[in-house]
Amino acid sequence: DAGGRPNPVLMPTLLKSLEMVLSVGPVQVAAFCAPRIKVIADCARALGYAVPRRHAPHLLGLRIPSILPSNSASNPARGQVWRDLASAALDPAEVHQRLSEKGFKLSLRCGAIRVSVYLYTKAGDVFALCAALVQVTHGLVADSRPPSTA
């Protein structure tokens, strides 16, 4: 998905990546990555982001509920969190931009913030991303509220 211009760096990089996966083993890579991506998924869900129940062990997309309708009838508490997040009219591009400014390498695809982990992802990296997601989300929600007139 890089467009029409050839990039001579891509093929050697792909080759080294595949060699690494094959040397470690795809099952071992998945076993290493799955707990890390689960922490991120749980954090995002707790903040009200829509996270697919089924996703790759190393990759997931975070959506703002106004983009992906929720089934809040089965879980009223979760539905309220989603409505709060959706009512803030958060823009996924803004969340992505703020996380990028904090040094996180994420991408924005089809309205979802794409998060991936790999063998070099440390537990501290995961917790730092969760802390930043909390800070960015709460900051944007607070910024979207009208000032009180009390």
C-alpha atoms as a PDB file:
ATOM      1  CA  ASP A   1       0.000   0.000   0.000  1.00  0.00           C
ATOM      2  CA  ALA A   2       2.928   2.347  -0.624  1.00  0.00           C
ATOM      3  CA  GLY A   3       1.729   3.667  -3.955  1.00  0.00           C
ATOM      4  CA  GLY A   4       3.254   3.402  -7.394  1.00  0.00           C
ATOM      5  CA  ARG A   5       6.860   4.427  -6.775  1.00  0.00           C
ATOM      6  CA  PRO A   6       9.351   1.595  -6.288  1.00  0.00           C
ATOM      7  CA  ASN A   7      11.278   1.593  -3.038  1.00  0.00           C
ATOM      8  CA  PRO A   8      14.479  -0.480  -3.227  1.00  0.00           C
ATOM      9  CA  VAL A   9      14.648  -0.763   0.567  1.00  0.00           C
ATOM     10  CA  LEU A  10      11.368  -2.682   0.908  1.00  0.00           C
ATOM     11  CA  MET A  11      12.425  -6.060  -0.508  1.00  0.00           C
ATOM     12  CA  PRO A  12      15.602  -6.501   1.596  1.00  0.00           C
ATOM     13  CA  THR A  13      13.652  -5.359   4.668  1.00  0.00           C
ATOM     14  CA  LEU A  14      10.872  -7.835   3.914  1.00  0.00           C
ATOM     15  CA  LEU A  15      13.432 -10.611   3.427  1.00  0.00           C
ATOM     16  CA  LYS A  16      15.087  -9.898   6.816  1.00  0.00           C
ATOM     17  CA  SER A  17      11.687  -9.738   8.498  1.00  0.00           C
ATOM     18  CA  LEU A  18      10.634 -13.089   7.084  1.00  0.00           C
ATOM     19  CA  GLU A  19      13.978 -14.627   8.052  1.00  0.00           C
ATOM     20  CA  MET A  20      13.457 -13.383  11.613  1.00  0.00           C
ATOM     21  CA  VAL A  21       9.933 -14.797  11.836  1.00  0.00           C
ATOM     22  CA  LEU A  22      11.081 -18.135  10.464  1.00  0.00           C
ATOM     23  CA  SER A  23      14.095 -18.298  12.811  1.00  0.00           C
ATOM     24  CA  VAL A  24      11.944 -17.631  15.888  1.00  0.00           C
ATOM     25  CA  GLY A  25       8.863 -19.430  14.617  1.00  0.00           C
ATOM     26  CA  PRO A  26       5.432 -17.948  13.839  1.00  0.00           C
ATOM     27  CA  VAL A  27       3.801 -19.707  16.802  1.00  0.00           C
ATOM     28  CA  GLN A  28       6.401 -18.313  19.200  1.00  0.00           C
ATOM     29  CA  VAL A  29       6.050 -14.820  17.711  1.00  0.00           C
ATOM     30  CA  ALA A  30       2.277 -14.989  18.207  1.00  0.00           C
ATOM     31  CA  ALA A  31       2.689 -16.286  21.771  1.00  0.00           C
ATOM     32  CA  PHE A  32       5.035 -13.401  22.583  1.00  0.00           C
ATOM     33  CA  CYS A  33       2.861 -10.708  20.998  1.00  0.00           C
ATOM     34  CA  ALA A  34      -0.624 -11.836  22.080  1.00  0.00           C
ATOM     35  CA  PRO A  35      -0.375 -10.826  25.773  1.00  0.00           C
ATOM     36  CA  ARG A  36       0.995  -7.417  24.818  1.00  0.00           C
ATOM     37  CA  ILE A  37      -1.753  -6.677  22.309  1.00  0.00           C
ATOM     38  CA  LYS A  38      -4.355  -7.939  24.809  1.00  0.00           C
ATOM     39  CA  VAL A  39      -3.231  -5.336  27.372  1.00  0.00           C
ATOM     40  CA  ILE A  40      -3.617  -2.602  24.749  1.00  0.00           C
ATOM     41  CA  ALA A  41      -7.018  -3.951  23.664  1.00  0.00           C
ATOM     42  CA  ASP A  42      -8.251  -4.113  27.278  1.00  0.00           C
ATOM     43  CA  CYS A  43      -7.033  -0.571  27.953  1.00  0.00           C
ATOM     44  CA  ALA A  44      -8.727   0.774  24.828  1.00  0.00           C
ATOM     45  CA  ARG A  45     -11.991  -1.050  25.630  1.00  0.00           C
ATOM     46  CA  ALA A  46     -11.971   0.373  29.163  1.00  0.00           C
ATOM     47  CA  LEU A  47     -11.659   3.860  27.648  1.00  0.00           C
ATOM     48  CA  GLY A  48     -14.645   3.185  25.395  1.00  0.00           C
ATOM     49  CA  TYR A  49     -12.920   2.422  22.108  1.00  0.00           C
ATOM     50  CA  ALA A  50     -14.449  -0.268  19.940  1.00  0.00           C
ATOM     51  CA  VAL A  51     -11.950  -3.107  19.587  1.00  0.00           C
ATOM     52  CA  PRO A  52     -12.716  -6.227  17.554  1.00  0.00           C
ATOM     53  CA  ARG A  53     -13.139  -9.349  19.647  1.00  0.00           C
ATOM     54  CA  ARG A  54     -11.108 -11.327  17.125  1.00  0.00           C
ATOM     55  CA  HIS A  55      -7.884  -9.903  15.777  1.00  0.00           C
ATOM     56  CA  ALA A  56      -4.359 -10.988  14.987  1.00  0.00           C
ATOM     57  CA  PRO A  57      -2.093 -11.632  17.984  1.00  0.00           C
ATOM     58  CA  HIS A  58       0.145  -8.714  16.951  1.00  0.00           C
ATOM     59  CA  LEU A  59      -2.259  -6.221  15.388  1.00  0.00           C
ATOM     60  CA  LEU A  60      -5.566  -4.498  16.106  1.00  0.00           C
ATOM     61  CA  GLY A  61      -7.587  -1.464  15.155  1.00  0.00           C
ATOM     62  CA  LEU A  62      -9.134   0.960  17.635  1.00  0.00           C
ATOM     63  CA  ARG A  63     -12.321   2.669  16.543  1.00  0.00           C
ATOM     64  CA  ILE A  64     -14.273   5.474  18.096  1.00  0.00           C
ATOM     65  CA  PRO A  65     -17.826   4.250  18.741  1.00  0.00           C
ATOM     66  CA  SER A  66     -19.481   6.907  16.601  1.00  0.00           C
ATOM     67  CA  ILE A  67     -17.693   5.287  13.658  1.00  0.00           C
ATOM     68  CA  LEU A  68     -18.530   1.701  14.605  1.00  0.00           C
ATOM     69  CA  PRO A  69     -22.053   1.393  16.078  1.00  0.00           C
ATOM     70  CA  SER A  70     -22.157  -0.478  19.362  1.00  0.00           C
ATOM     71  CA  ASN A  71     -24.594  -3.025  20.725  1.00  0.00           C
ATOM     72  CA  SER A  72     -25.021  -1.324  24.078  1.00  0.00           C
ATOM     73  CA  ALA A  73     -28.209  -3.190  25.006  1.00  0.00           C
ATOM     74  CA  SER A  74     -26.177  -6.184  26.201  1.00  0.00           C
ATOM     75  CA  ASN A  75     -23.938  -4.072  28.457  1.00  0.00           C
ATOM     76  CA  PRO A  76     -25.480  -0.790  29.671  1.00  0.00           C
ATOM     77  CA  ALA A  77     -22.321   0.333  31.515  1.00  0.00           C
ATOM     78  CA  ARG A  78     -20.166  -0.168  28.411  1.00  0.00           C
ATOM     79  CA  GLY A  79     -22.863   1.522  26.367  1.00  0.00           C
ATOM     80  CA  GLN A  80     -22.612   4.622  28.583  1.00  0.00           C
ATOM     81  CA  VAL A  81     -18.831   4.755  28.219  1.00  0.00           C
ATOM     82  CA  TRP A  82     -19.223   4.439  24.445  1.00  0.00           C
ATOM     83  CA  ARG A  83     -21.890   7.165  24.374  1.00  0.00           C
ATOM     84  CA  ASP A  84     -19.619   9.459  26.432  1.00  0.00           C
ATOM     85  CA  LEU A  85     -16.724   8.872  24.058  1.00  0.00           C
ATOM     86  CA  ALA A  86     -18.916   9.210  20.966  1.00  0.00           C
ATOM     87  CA  SER A  87     -20.589  12.370  22.261  1.00  0.00           C
ATOM     88  CA  ALA A  88     -17.168  13.993  22.543  1.00  0.00           C
ATOM     89  CA  ALA A  89     -17.011  13.690  18.739  1.00  0.00           C
ATOM     90  CA  LEU A  90     -13.418  12.513  18.882  1.00  0.00           C
ATOM     91  CA  ASP A  91     -11.661  12.411  15.569  1.00  0.00           C
ATOM     92  CA  PRO A  92      -9.494   9.289  15.100  1.00  0.00           C
ATOM     93  CA  ALA A  93      -7.027  11.405  13.131  1.00  0.00           C
ATOM     94  CA  GLU A  94      -6.643  13.735  16.134  1.00  0.00           C
ATOM     95  CA  VAL A  95      -6.097  10.814  18.533  1.00  0.00           C
ATOM     96  CA  HIS A  96      -3.565   9.346  16.086  1.00  0.00           C
ATOM     97  CA  GLN A  97      -1.788  12.707  15.720  1.00  0.00           C
ATOM     98  CA  ARG A  98      -1.514  13.257  19.477  1.00  0.00           C
ATOM     99  CA  LEU A  99      -0.184   9.735  20.049  1.00  0.00           C
ATOM    100  CA  SER A 100       2.297  10.230  17.198  1.00  0.00           C
ATOM    101  CA  GLU A 101       3.469  13.469  18.803  1.00  0.00           C
ATOM    102  CA  LYS A 102       4.233  11.431  21.920  1.00  0.00           C
ATOM    103  CA  GLY A 103       6.506   9.200  19.831  1.00  0.00           C
ATOM    104  CA  PHE A 104       4.253   6.234  19.107  1.00  0.00           C
ATOM    105  CA  LYS A 105       4.445   4.717  15.629  1.00  0.00           C
ATOM    106  CA  LEU A 106       0.849   4.000  14.690  1.00  0.00           C
ATOM    107  CA  SER A 107      -1.128   4.282  11.502  1.00  0.00           C
ATOM    108  CA  LEU A 108      -4.609   5.401  10.625  1.00  0.00           C
ATOM    109  CA  ARG A 109      -6.468   3.057   8.303  1.00  0.00           C
ATOM    110  CA  CYS A 110     -10.115   3.431   7.285  1.00  0.00           C
ATOM    111  CA  GLY A 111     -10.980   5.376  10.424  1.00  0.00           C
ATOM    112  CA  ALA A 112      -9.229   2.957  12.782  1.00  0.00           C
ATOM    113  CA  ILE A 113      -6.047   3.597  14.732  1.00  0.00           C
ATOM    114  CA  ARG A 114      -3.854   0.626  13.839  1.00  0.00           C
ATOM    115  CA  VAL A 115      -1.675  -0.658  16.667  1.00  0.00           C
ATOM    116  CA  SER A 116       0.904  -3.403  16.273  1.00  0.00           C
ATOM    117  CA  VAL A 117       3.485  -5.019  18.512  1.00  0.00           C
ATOM    118  CA  TYR A 118       6.400  -7.283  17.722  1.00  0.00           C
ATOM    119  CA  LEU A 119       9.375  -9.046  19.291  1.00  0.00           C
ATOM    120  CA  TYR A 120      11.092  -5.741  20.108  1.00  0.00           C
ATOM    121  CA  THR A 121       8.014  -4.420  21.971  1.00  0.00           C
ATOM    122  CA  LYS A 122       8.768  -4.345  25.698  1.00  0.00           C
ATOM    123  CA  ALA A 123       6.150  -4.446  28.456  1.00  0.00           C
ATOM    124  CA  GLY A 124       7.108  -0.860  29.320  1.00  0.00           C
ATOM    125  CA  ASP A 125       6.278   0.195  25.749  1.00  0.00           C
ATOM    126  CA  VAL A 126       2.818  -1.326  26.108  1.00  0.00           C
ATOM    127  CA  PHE A 127       2.132   0.409  29.416  1.00  0.00           C
ATOM    128  CA  ALA A 128       3.458   3.718  28.037  1.00  0.00           C
ATOM    129  CA  LEU A 129       1.060   3.457  25.090  1.00  0.00           C
ATOM    130  CA  CYS A 130      -1.847   2.707  27.431  1.00  0.00           C
ATOM    131  CA  ALA A 131      -0.949   5.682  29.647  1.00  0.00           C
ATOM    132  CA  ALA A 132      -0.692   7.946  26.599  1.00  0.00           C
ATOM    133  CA  LEU A 133      -4.017   6.674  25.247  1.00  0.00           C
ATOM    134  CA  VAL A 134      -5.662   7.479  28.581  1.00  0.00           C
ATOM    135  CA  GLN A 135      -4.086  10.948  28.659  1.00  0.00           C
ATOM    136  CA  VAL A 136      -4.938  11.776  25.037  1.00  0.00           C
ATOM    137  CA  THR A 137      -8.491  10.431  25.244  1.00  0.00           C
ATOM    138  CA  HIS A 138      -9.318  12.204  28.505  1.00  0.00           C
ATOM    139  CA  GLY A 139      -7.706  15.392  27.232  1.00  0.00           C
ATOM    140  CA  LEU A 140      -9.702  15.386  24.012  1.00  0.00           C
ATOM    141  CA  VAL A 141     -12.949  14.514  25.797  1.00  0.00           C
ATOM    142  CA  ALA A 142     -12.368  17.339  28.286  1.00  0.00           C
ATOM    143  CA  ASP A 143     -11.545  19.758  25.460  1.00  0.00           C
ATOM    144  CA  SER A 144     -14.821  18.871  23.724  1.00  0.00           C
ATOM    145  CA  ARG A 145     -17.013  19.764  26.708  1.00  0.00           C
ATOM    146  CA  PRO A 146     -18.516  23.228  26.805  1.00  0.00           C
ATOM    147  CA  PRO A 147     -17.215  25.433  29.634  1.00  0.00           C
ATOM    148  CA  SER A 148     -19.353  25.335  32.751  1.00  0.00           C
ATOM    149  CA  THR A 149     -21.368  28.439  33.564  1.00  0.00           C
ATOM    150  CA  ALA A 150     -21.433  27.876  37.317  1.00  0.00           C
END
